[in-house]
N, C-alpha and C. Protein backbone atom coordinates (compact mmCIF):
# COMPACT_ATOMS: atom_id res chain seq x y z
N UNK A 1 119.08 81.08 95.17
CA UNK A 1 118.28 82.28 95.33
C UNK A 1 117.70 82.68 93.99
N UNK A 2 116.42 82.90 93.96
CA UNK A 2 115.73 83.33 92.75
C UNK A 2 115.96 84.82 92.53
N UNK A 3 116.32 85.18 91.30
CA UNK A 3 116.49 86.59 90.95
C UNK A 3 115.17 87.11 90.41
N UNK A 4 114.68 88.17 90.98
CA UNK A 4 113.42 88.76 90.54
C UNK A 4 113.62 89.56 89.26
N UNK A 5 112.55 89.70 88.52
CA UNK A 5 112.53 90.55 87.33
C UNK A 5 111.21 91.32 87.34
N UNK A 6 111.19 92.37 86.57
CA UNK A 6 109.97 93.17 86.38
C UNK A 6 109.65 93.17 84.90
N UNK A 7 108.44 92.78 84.55
CA UNK A 7 107.98 92.84 83.16
C UNK A 7 107.15 94.11 83.01
N UNK A 8 107.73 95.17 82.47
CA UNK A 8 107.02 96.45 82.42
C UNK A 8 105.79 96.43 81.53
N UNK A 9 105.72 95.50 80.59
CA UNK A 9 104.58 95.44 79.69
C UNK A 9 103.36 94.81 80.36
N UNK A 10 103.59 94.01 81.39
CA UNK A 10 102.50 93.33 82.07
C UNK A 10 102.43 93.66 83.55
N UNK A 11 103.11 94.70 83.96
CA UNK A 11 103.14 95.06 85.38
C UNK A 11 101.75 95.52 85.84
N UNK A 12 101.41 95.17 87.05
CA UNK A 12 100.18 95.63 87.68
C UNK A 12 100.50 96.93 88.40
N UNK A 13 100.26 98.05 87.71
CA UNK A 13 100.63 99.35 88.25
C UNK A 13 99.97 99.61 89.60
N UNK A 14 98.71 99.28 89.73
CA UNK A 14 98.01 99.53 91.00
C UNK A 14 98.68 98.75 92.14
N UNK A 15 99.05 97.50 91.89
CA UNK A 15 99.73 96.71 92.93
C UNK A 15 101.10 97.32 93.27
N UNK A 16 101.79 97.81 92.25
CA UNK A 16 103.09 98.44 92.50
C UNK A 16 102.92 99.73 93.31
N UNK A 17 101.88 100.47 93.03
CA UNK A 17 101.61 101.69 93.78
C UNK A 17 101.30 101.34 95.23
N UNK A 18 100.54 100.29 95.44
CA UNK A 18 100.23 99.87 96.82
C UNK A 18 101.51 99.43 97.55
N UNK A 19 102.38 98.67 96.86
CA UNK A 19 103.67 98.30 97.47
C UNK A 19 104.51 99.53 97.77
N UNK A 20 104.53 100.45 96.82
CA UNK A 20 105.28 101.69 97.01
C UNK A 20 104.74 102.50 98.17
N UNK A 21 103.43 102.54 98.32
CA UNK A 21 102.82 103.27 99.42
C UNK A 21 103.22 102.64 100.75
N UNK A 22 103.27 101.31 100.79
CA UNK A 22 103.70 100.61 102.02
C UNK A 22 105.16 100.93 102.34
N UNK A 23 106.01 100.95 101.33
CA UNK A 23 107.42 101.27 101.55
C UNK A 23 107.58 102.72 101.99
N UNK A 24 106.91 103.60 101.30
CA UNK A 24 107.10 105.04 101.46
C UNK A 24 106.35 105.62 102.67
N UNK A 25 105.20 105.04 102.98
CA UNK A 25 104.43 105.51 104.12
C UNK A 25 103.19 106.29 103.77
N UNK A 26 103.08 106.75 102.53
CA UNK A 26 101.87 107.45 102.08
C UNK A 26 101.88 107.51 100.56
N UNK A 27 100.71 107.73 100.00
CA UNK A 27 100.56 107.86 98.56
C UNK A 27 100.75 109.32 98.16
N UNK A 28 101.50 109.54 97.09
CA UNK A 28 101.69 110.89 96.58
C UNK A 28 102.08 110.85 95.11
N UNK A 29 101.96 111.97 94.42
CA UNK A 29 102.21 111.99 92.98
C UNK A 29 103.67 111.71 92.60
N UNK A 30 104.63 112.14 93.40
CA UNK A 30 106.02 111.86 93.04
C UNK A 30 106.34 110.37 93.16
N UNK A 31 105.72 109.70 94.11
CA UNK A 31 105.89 108.26 94.25
C UNK A 31 105.41 107.56 92.98
N UNK A 32 104.21 107.90 92.54
CA UNK A 32 103.64 107.29 91.33
C UNK A 32 104.49 107.63 90.12
N UNK A 33 104.93 108.87 90.00
CA UNK A 33 105.77 109.26 88.87
C UNK A 33 107.06 108.45 88.84
N UNK A 34 107.67 108.23 89.99
CA UNK A 34 108.90 107.44 90.05
C UNK A 34 108.68 106.00 89.62
N UNK A 35 107.57 105.41 90.05
CA UNK A 35 107.25 104.04 89.63
C UNK A 35 107.10 103.99 88.12
N UNK A 36 106.37 104.93 87.57
CA UNK A 36 106.15 104.93 86.12
C UNK A 36 107.44 105.21 85.35
N UNK A 37 108.34 106.03 85.91
CA UNK A 37 109.64 106.25 85.28
C UNK A 37 110.41 104.93 85.21
N UNK A 38 110.42 104.20 86.31
CA UNK A 38 111.12 102.92 86.33
C UNK A 38 110.58 101.95 85.30
N UNK A 39 109.26 101.84 85.21
CA UNK A 39 108.65 100.94 84.24
C UNK A 39 108.96 101.37 82.80
N UNK A 40 108.90 102.66 82.54
CA UNK A 40 109.23 103.18 81.21
C UNK A 40 110.67 102.84 80.86
N UNK A 41 111.58 103.04 81.79
CA UNK A 41 112.99 102.74 81.54
C UNK A 41 113.19 101.26 81.24
N UNK A 42 112.57 100.39 82.02
CA UNK A 42 112.73 98.95 81.78
C UNK A 42 112.21 98.56 80.41
N UNK A 43 111.06 99.12 80.03
CA UNK A 43 110.49 98.79 78.72
C UNK A 43 111.39 99.28 77.59
N UNK A 44 111.80 100.54 77.67
CA UNK A 44 112.59 101.11 76.58
C UNK A 44 113.99 100.49 76.49
N UNK A 45 114.54 100.10 77.61
CA UNK A 45 115.88 99.47 77.61
C UNK A 45 115.80 97.95 77.47
N UNK A 46 114.57 97.42 77.43
CA UNK A 46 114.35 95.96 77.39
C UNK A 46 115.19 95.29 78.48
N UNK A 47 114.95 95.74 79.71
CA UNK A 47 115.76 95.35 80.84
C UNK A 47 114.87 94.74 81.92
N UNK A 48 115.34 93.69 82.62
CA UNK A 48 114.52 93.06 83.65
C UNK A 48 114.56 93.76 85.00
N UNK A 49 115.39 94.80 85.13
CA UNK A 49 115.46 95.54 86.38
C UNK A 49 116.27 94.84 87.45
N UNK A 50 116.24 95.40 88.62
CA UNK A 50 116.91 94.91 89.83
C UNK A 50 118.43 94.94 89.76
N UNK A 51 119.05 94.12 88.91
CA UNK A 51 120.51 93.98 88.96
C UNK A 51 121.23 94.42 87.70
N UNK A 52 120.60 94.43 86.55
CA UNK A 52 121.29 94.78 85.31
C UNK A 52 121.08 96.24 84.92
N UNK A 53 120.93 97.07 85.91
CA UNK A 53 120.56 98.46 85.68
C UNK A 53 121.01 99.30 86.87
N UNK A 54 121.31 100.55 86.59
CA UNK A 54 121.50 101.50 87.69
C UNK A 54 120.74 102.77 87.36
N UNK A 55 120.41 103.51 88.40
CA UNK A 55 119.64 104.74 88.24
C UNK A 55 120.37 105.87 88.95
N UNK A 56 120.37 107.02 88.32
CA UNK A 56 120.95 108.24 88.89
C UNK A 56 119.85 109.28 88.95
N UNK A 57 119.41 109.59 90.16
CA UNK A 57 118.30 110.51 90.35
C UNK A 57 118.80 111.91 90.67
N UNK A 58 118.18 112.88 90.04
CA UNK A 58 118.47 114.28 90.32
C UNK A 58 117.40 114.90 91.22
N UNK A 59 116.55 114.04 91.81
CA UNK A 59 115.46 114.53 92.65
C UNK A 59 115.91 114.98 94.03
N UNK A 60 117.10 114.60 94.42
CA UNK A 60 117.64 115.05 95.70
C UNK A 60 117.11 114.29 96.89
N UNK A 61 117.31 114.89 98.06
CA UNK A 61 116.95 114.25 99.32
C UNK A 61 115.95 115.07 100.14
N UNK A 62 115.28 116.02 99.49
CA UNK A 62 114.33 116.89 100.17
C UNK A 62 112.93 116.62 99.66
N UNK A 63 112.01 116.34 100.60
CA UNK A 63 110.63 116.09 100.21
C UNK A 63 109.98 117.39 99.75
N UNK A 64 108.99 117.33 98.92
CA UNK A 64 108.33 116.14 98.41
C UNK A 64 109.00 115.54 97.18
N UNK A 65 109.88 116.29 96.53
CA UNK A 65 110.49 115.80 95.29
C UNK A 65 111.26 114.49 95.49
N UNK A 66 111.92 114.35 96.62
CA UNK A 66 112.71 113.14 96.87
C UNK A 66 111.85 111.89 96.96
N UNK A 67 110.55 112.05 97.10
CA UNK A 67 109.63 110.90 97.11
C UNK A 67 109.73 110.13 95.78
N UNK A 68 110.14 110.83 94.74
CA UNK A 68 110.36 110.21 93.44
C UNK A 68 111.31 109.02 93.56
N UNK A 69 112.32 109.14 94.41
CA UNK A 69 113.34 108.10 94.56
C UNK A 69 112.75 106.78 95.06
N UNK A 70 111.78 106.86 95.97
CA UNK A 70 111.15 105.62 96.43
C UNK A 70 110.34 104.98 95.31
N UNK A 71 109.70 105.79 94.49
CA UNK A 71 108.99 105.25 93.34
C UNK A 71 109.92 104.57 92.36
N UNK A 72 111.07 105.17 92.12
CA UNK A 72 112.07 104.58 91.21
C UNK A 72 112.48 103.20 91.72
N UNK A 73 112.62 103.06 93.03
CA UNK A 73 113.00 101.76 93.60
C UNK A 73 111.95 100.70 93.28
N UNK A 74 110.67 101.05 93.42
CA UNK A 74 109.60 100.09 93.16
C UNK A 74 109.50 99.79 91.67
N UNK A 75 109.59 100.82 90.82
CA UNK A 75 109.38 100.65 89.38
C UNK A 75 110.53 100.00 88.64
N UNK A 76 111.75 100.14 89.17
CA UNK A 76 112.92 99.62 88.43
C UNK A 76 113.65 98.51 89.17
N UNK A 77 113.45 98.42 90.47
CA UNK A 77 114.22 97.47 91.26
C UNK A 77 115.59 97.98 91.65
N UNK A 78 115.96 99.17 91.20
CA UNK A 78 117.22 99.79 91.64
C UNK A 78 117.00 100.32 93.05
N UNK A 79 117.92 100.02 93.95
CA UNK A 79 117.75 100.46 95.33
C UNK A 79 119.04 101.06 95.88
N UNK A 80 118.87 101.93 96.84
CA UNK A 80 120.02 102.50 97.53
C UNK A 80 120.79 101.41 98.27
N UNK A 81 120.07 100.46 98.82
CA UNK A 81 120.70 99.38 99.57
C UNK A 81 121.60 98.51 98.73
N UNK A 82 121.21 98.23 97.48
CA UNK A 82 122.05 97.45 96.57
C UNK A 82 123.14 98.31 95.95
N UNK A 83 122.99 99.61 96.06
CA UNK A 83 123.99 100.51 95.51
C UNK A 83 123.80 100.83 94.04
N UNK A 84 122.64 100.49 93.48
CA UNK A 84 122.44 100.84 92.07
C UNK A 84 121.40 101.95 91.88
N UNK A 85 121.04 102.62 92.98
CA UNK A 85 120.29 103.88 92.90
C UNK A 85 121.15 104.93 93.58
N UNK A 86 121.52 105.93 92.80
CA UNK A 86 122.38 107.00 93.30
C UNK A 86 121.61 108.32 93.22
N UNK A 87 121.66 109.10 94.28
CA UNK A 87 121.07 110.44 94.29
C UNK A 87 122.22 111.39 93.96
N UNK A 88 122.21 111.94 92.75
CA UNK A 88 123.36 112.72 92.28
C UNK A 88 123.08 114.21 92.17
N UNK A 89 121.84 114.60 92.35
CA UNK A 89 121.52 116.01 92.18
C UNK A 89 120.48 116.46 93.17
N UNK A 90 119.99 117.63 92.95
CA UNK A 90 118.96 118.21 93.82
C UNK A 90 117.93 118.95 92.99
N UNK A 91 116.68 118.74 93.31
CA UNK A 91 115.59 119.60 92.87
C UNK A 91 115.22 119.51 91.39
N UNK A 92 115.50 118.39 90.73
CA UNK A 92 115.06 118.20 89.36
C UNK A 92 114.39 116.83 89.27
N UNK A 93 113.17 116.76 88.79
CA UNK A 93 112.49 115.47 88.68
C UNK A 93 112.97 114.69 87.44
N UNK A 94 114.25 114.33 87.46
CA UNK A 94 114.88 113.66 86.32
C UNK A 94 115.69 112.47 86.84
N UNK A 95 115.59 111.36 86.11
CA UNK A 95 116.35 110.17 86.47
C UNK A 95 116.97 109.59 85.19
N UNK A 96 118.23 109.23 85.29
CA UNK A 96 118.95 108.57 84.21
C UNK A 96 119.08 107.09 84.59
N UNK A 97 118.68 106.23 83.70
CA UNK A 97 118.79 104.79 83.90
C UNK A 97 119.84 104.27 82.92
N UNK A 98 120.79 103.50 83.42
CA UNK A 98 121.89 103.00 82.61
C UNK A 98 121.91 101.48 82.70
N UNK A 99 121.76 100.84 81.55
CA UNK A 99 121.81 99.38 81.49
C UNK A 99 123.26 98.93 81.52
N UNK A 100 123.48 97.67 81.90
CA UNK A 100 124.83 97.13 81.95
C UNK A 100 125.55 97.21 80.61
N UNK A 101 124.81 97.21 79.51
CA UNK A 101 125.45 97.28 78.19
C UNK A 101 125.75 98.72 77.76
N UNK A 102 125.47 99.69 78.65
CA UNK A 102 125.80 101.09 78.37
C UNK A 102 124.67 101.91 77.79
N UNK A 103 123.59 101.27 77.35
CA UNK A 103 122.46 102.05 76.85
C UNK A 103 121.84 102.83 78.00
N UNK A 104 121.33 104.03 77.67
CA UNK A 104 120.79 104.92 78.70
C UNK A 104 119.46 105.51 78.25
N UNK A 105 118.65 105.79 79.25
CA UNK A 105 117.46 106.60 79.03
C UNK A 105 117.39 107.61 80.16
N UNK A 106 117.16 108.86 79.79
CA UNK A 106 116.97 109.93 80.77
C UNK A 106 115.52 110.35 80.69
N UNK A 107 114.84 110.31 81.85
CA UNK A 107 113.41 110.60 81.91
C UNK A 107 113.19 111.76 82.87
N UNK A 108 112.40 112.74 82.42
CA UNK A 108 112.09 113.90 83.26
C UNK A 108 110.59 114.11 83.31
N UNK A 109 110.09 114.37 84.49
CA UNK A 109 108.68 114.72 84.67
C UNK A 109 108.46 116.09 84.07
N UNK A 110 107.47 116.21 83.22
CA UNK A 110 107.19 117.49 82.55
C UNK A 110 106.86 118.59 83.56
N UNK A 111 107.34 119.78 83.30
CA UNK A 111 107.16 120.90 84.23
C UNK A 111 105.69 121.23 84.45
N UNK A 112 104.86 121.08 83.42
CA UNK A 112 103.43 121.39 83.60
C UNK A 112 102.75 120.38 84.52
N UNK A 113 103.27 119.15 84.55
CA UNK A 113 102.75 118.15 85.48
C UNK A 113 103.14 118.54 86.91
N UNK A 114 104.40 118.91 87.09
CA UNK A 114 104.86 119.35 88.42
C UNK A 114 104.02 120.53 88.89
N UNK A 115 103.77 121.49 88.01
CA UNK A 115 102.97 122.67 88.37
C UNK A 115 101.56 122.27 88.77
N UNK A 116 101.02 121.22 88.16
CA UNK A 116 99.65 120.79 88.48
C UNK A 116 99.52 120.24 89.89
N UNK A 117 100.63 119.92 90.54
CA UNK A 117 100.59 119.41 91.91
C UNK A 117 100.26 120.52 92.91
N UNK A 118 100.61 121.74 92.59
CA UNK A 118 100.42 122.86 93.52
C UNK A 118 98.93 123.09 93.80
N UNK A 119 98.59 123.07 95.07
CA UNK A 119 97.22 123.33 95.47
C UNK A 119 96.25 122.21 95.17
N UNK A 120 96.76 121.04 94.76
CA UNK A 120 95.90 119.91 94.42
C UNK A 120 95.71 119.00 95.60
N UNK A 121 94.66 118.20 95.53
CA UNK A 121 94.51 117.07 96.44
C UNK A 121 95.54 116.05 95.97
N UNK A 122 96.60 115.85 96.74
CA UNK A 122 97.74 115.06 96.28
C UNK A 122 97.41 113.58 96.12
N UNK A 123 96.49 113.05 96.88
CA UNK A 123 96.09 111.65 96.69
C UNK A 123 95.33 111.52 95.37
N UNK A 124 94.42 112.44 95.11
CA UNK A 124 93.69 112.41 93.84
C UNK A 124 94.66 112.60 92.67
N UNK A 125 95.63 113.48 92.83
CA UNK A 125 96.62 113.73 91.78
C UNK A 125 97.46 112.47 91.54
N UNK A 126 97.83 111.78 92.61
CA UNK A 126 98.60 110.54 92.47
C UNK A 126 97.80 109.50 91.68
N UNK A 127 96.53 109.35 92.00
CA UNK A 127 95.68 108.39 91.27
C UNK A 127 95.55 108.81 89.79
N UNK A 128 95.46 110.10 89.56
CA UNK A 128 95.38 110.60 88.18
C UNK A 128 96.66 110.24 87.41
N UNK A 129 97.80 110.34 88.06
CA UNK A 129 99.08 110.04 87.41
C UNK A 129 99.18 108.57 87.00
N UNK A 130 98.39 107.72 87.61
CA UNK A 130 98.38 106.30 87.21
C UNK A 130 97.82 106.13 85.81
N UNK A 131 97.00 107.08 85.34
CA UNK A 131 96.28 106.90 84.08
C UNK A 131 96.74 107.83 82.95
N UNK A 132 97.49 108.85 83.25
CA UNK A 132 97.93 109.79 82.21
C UNK A 132 98.94 109.10 81.30
N UNK A 133 98.79 109.23 79.99
CA UNK A 133 99.77 108.61 79.08
C UNK A 133 101.19 109.10 79.34
N UNK A 134 102.14 108.20 79.16
CA UNK A 134 103.55 108.53 79.40
C UNK A 134 104.00 109.78 78.66
N UNK A 135 103.54 109.93 77.42
CA UNK A 135 103.96 111.06 76.60
C UNK A 135 103.52 112.39 77.20
N UNK A 136 102.45 112.38 77.99
CA UNK A 136 101.97 113.60 78.64
C UNK A 136 102.67 113.83 79.98
N UNK A 137 103.18 112.77 80.60
CA UNK A 137 103.85 112.87 81.89
C UNK A 137 105.33 113.23 81.77
N UNK A 138 105.99 112.62 80.79
CA UNK A 138 107.45 112.64 80.75
C UNK A 138 107.98 113.10 79.41
N UNK A 139 109.23 113.58 79.47
CA UNK A 139 110.07 113.74 78.29
C UNK A 139 111.22 112.77 78.49
N UNK A 140 111.67 112.10 77.44
CA UNK A 140 112.79 111.18 77.61
C UNK A 140 113.64 111.11 76.36
N UNK A 141 114.90 110.79 76.59
CA UNK A 141 115.85 110.62 75.50
C UNK A 141 116.64 109.33 75.75
N UNK A 142 116.94 108.66 74.66
CA UNK A 142 117.73 107.42 74.70
C UNK A 142 119.11 107.72 74.13
N UNK A 143 120.10 106.99 74.63
CA UNK A 143 121.43 107.08 74.04
C UNK A 143 122.14 105.74 74.16
N UNK A 144 123.06 105.52 73.26
CA UNK A 144 123.85 104.28 73.24
C UNK A 144 125.26 104.58 73.70
N UNK A 145 125.98 103.53 74.09
CA UNK A 145 127.38 103.74 74.56
C UNK A 145 128.27 104.31 73.47
C-alpha cells in the first residue's frame, strides 16, 4: 500500500478546495481556512501529513465553525476516521498540530477575518480566503517538546 504525502510548498490549493467541497458538500470560508491551516502546519513542521501528525481542533461540532474540521482533514491528512483528528473544544477557530517528534504548531484564524464573514457572500469570501496571505489570516505559535 502506497502511503500518501502532502507537499505544502507545491500543493494545488484550488484542487484541494474542490476536493474539500466534494467531501464537505459545499464551499465556505471555514472549509478553506481549515485547508490552509493544514498546509501551513505541514510546511512549518516539515511534515508529510496523513500519519506522522495529529490535530486537535477547538472548532467544535456546530456549524458553521465546525466546517473548519473538514478543511483540516483535506489540508493535513489528519482524519477522524484514522483517529488523528480530535475535536477537543467548542467555538474557537484554533487547531493544534502535533508531529510525532513532539513539535507543535497552534494556528488560529484571526478574529477580524471571522468578523468579515458576517453578512458576506460566503462563496465569494471562501474564494477570497484562497488568496489572502497567511500572515493576514492566521496567528500561530511553534513549540518544541
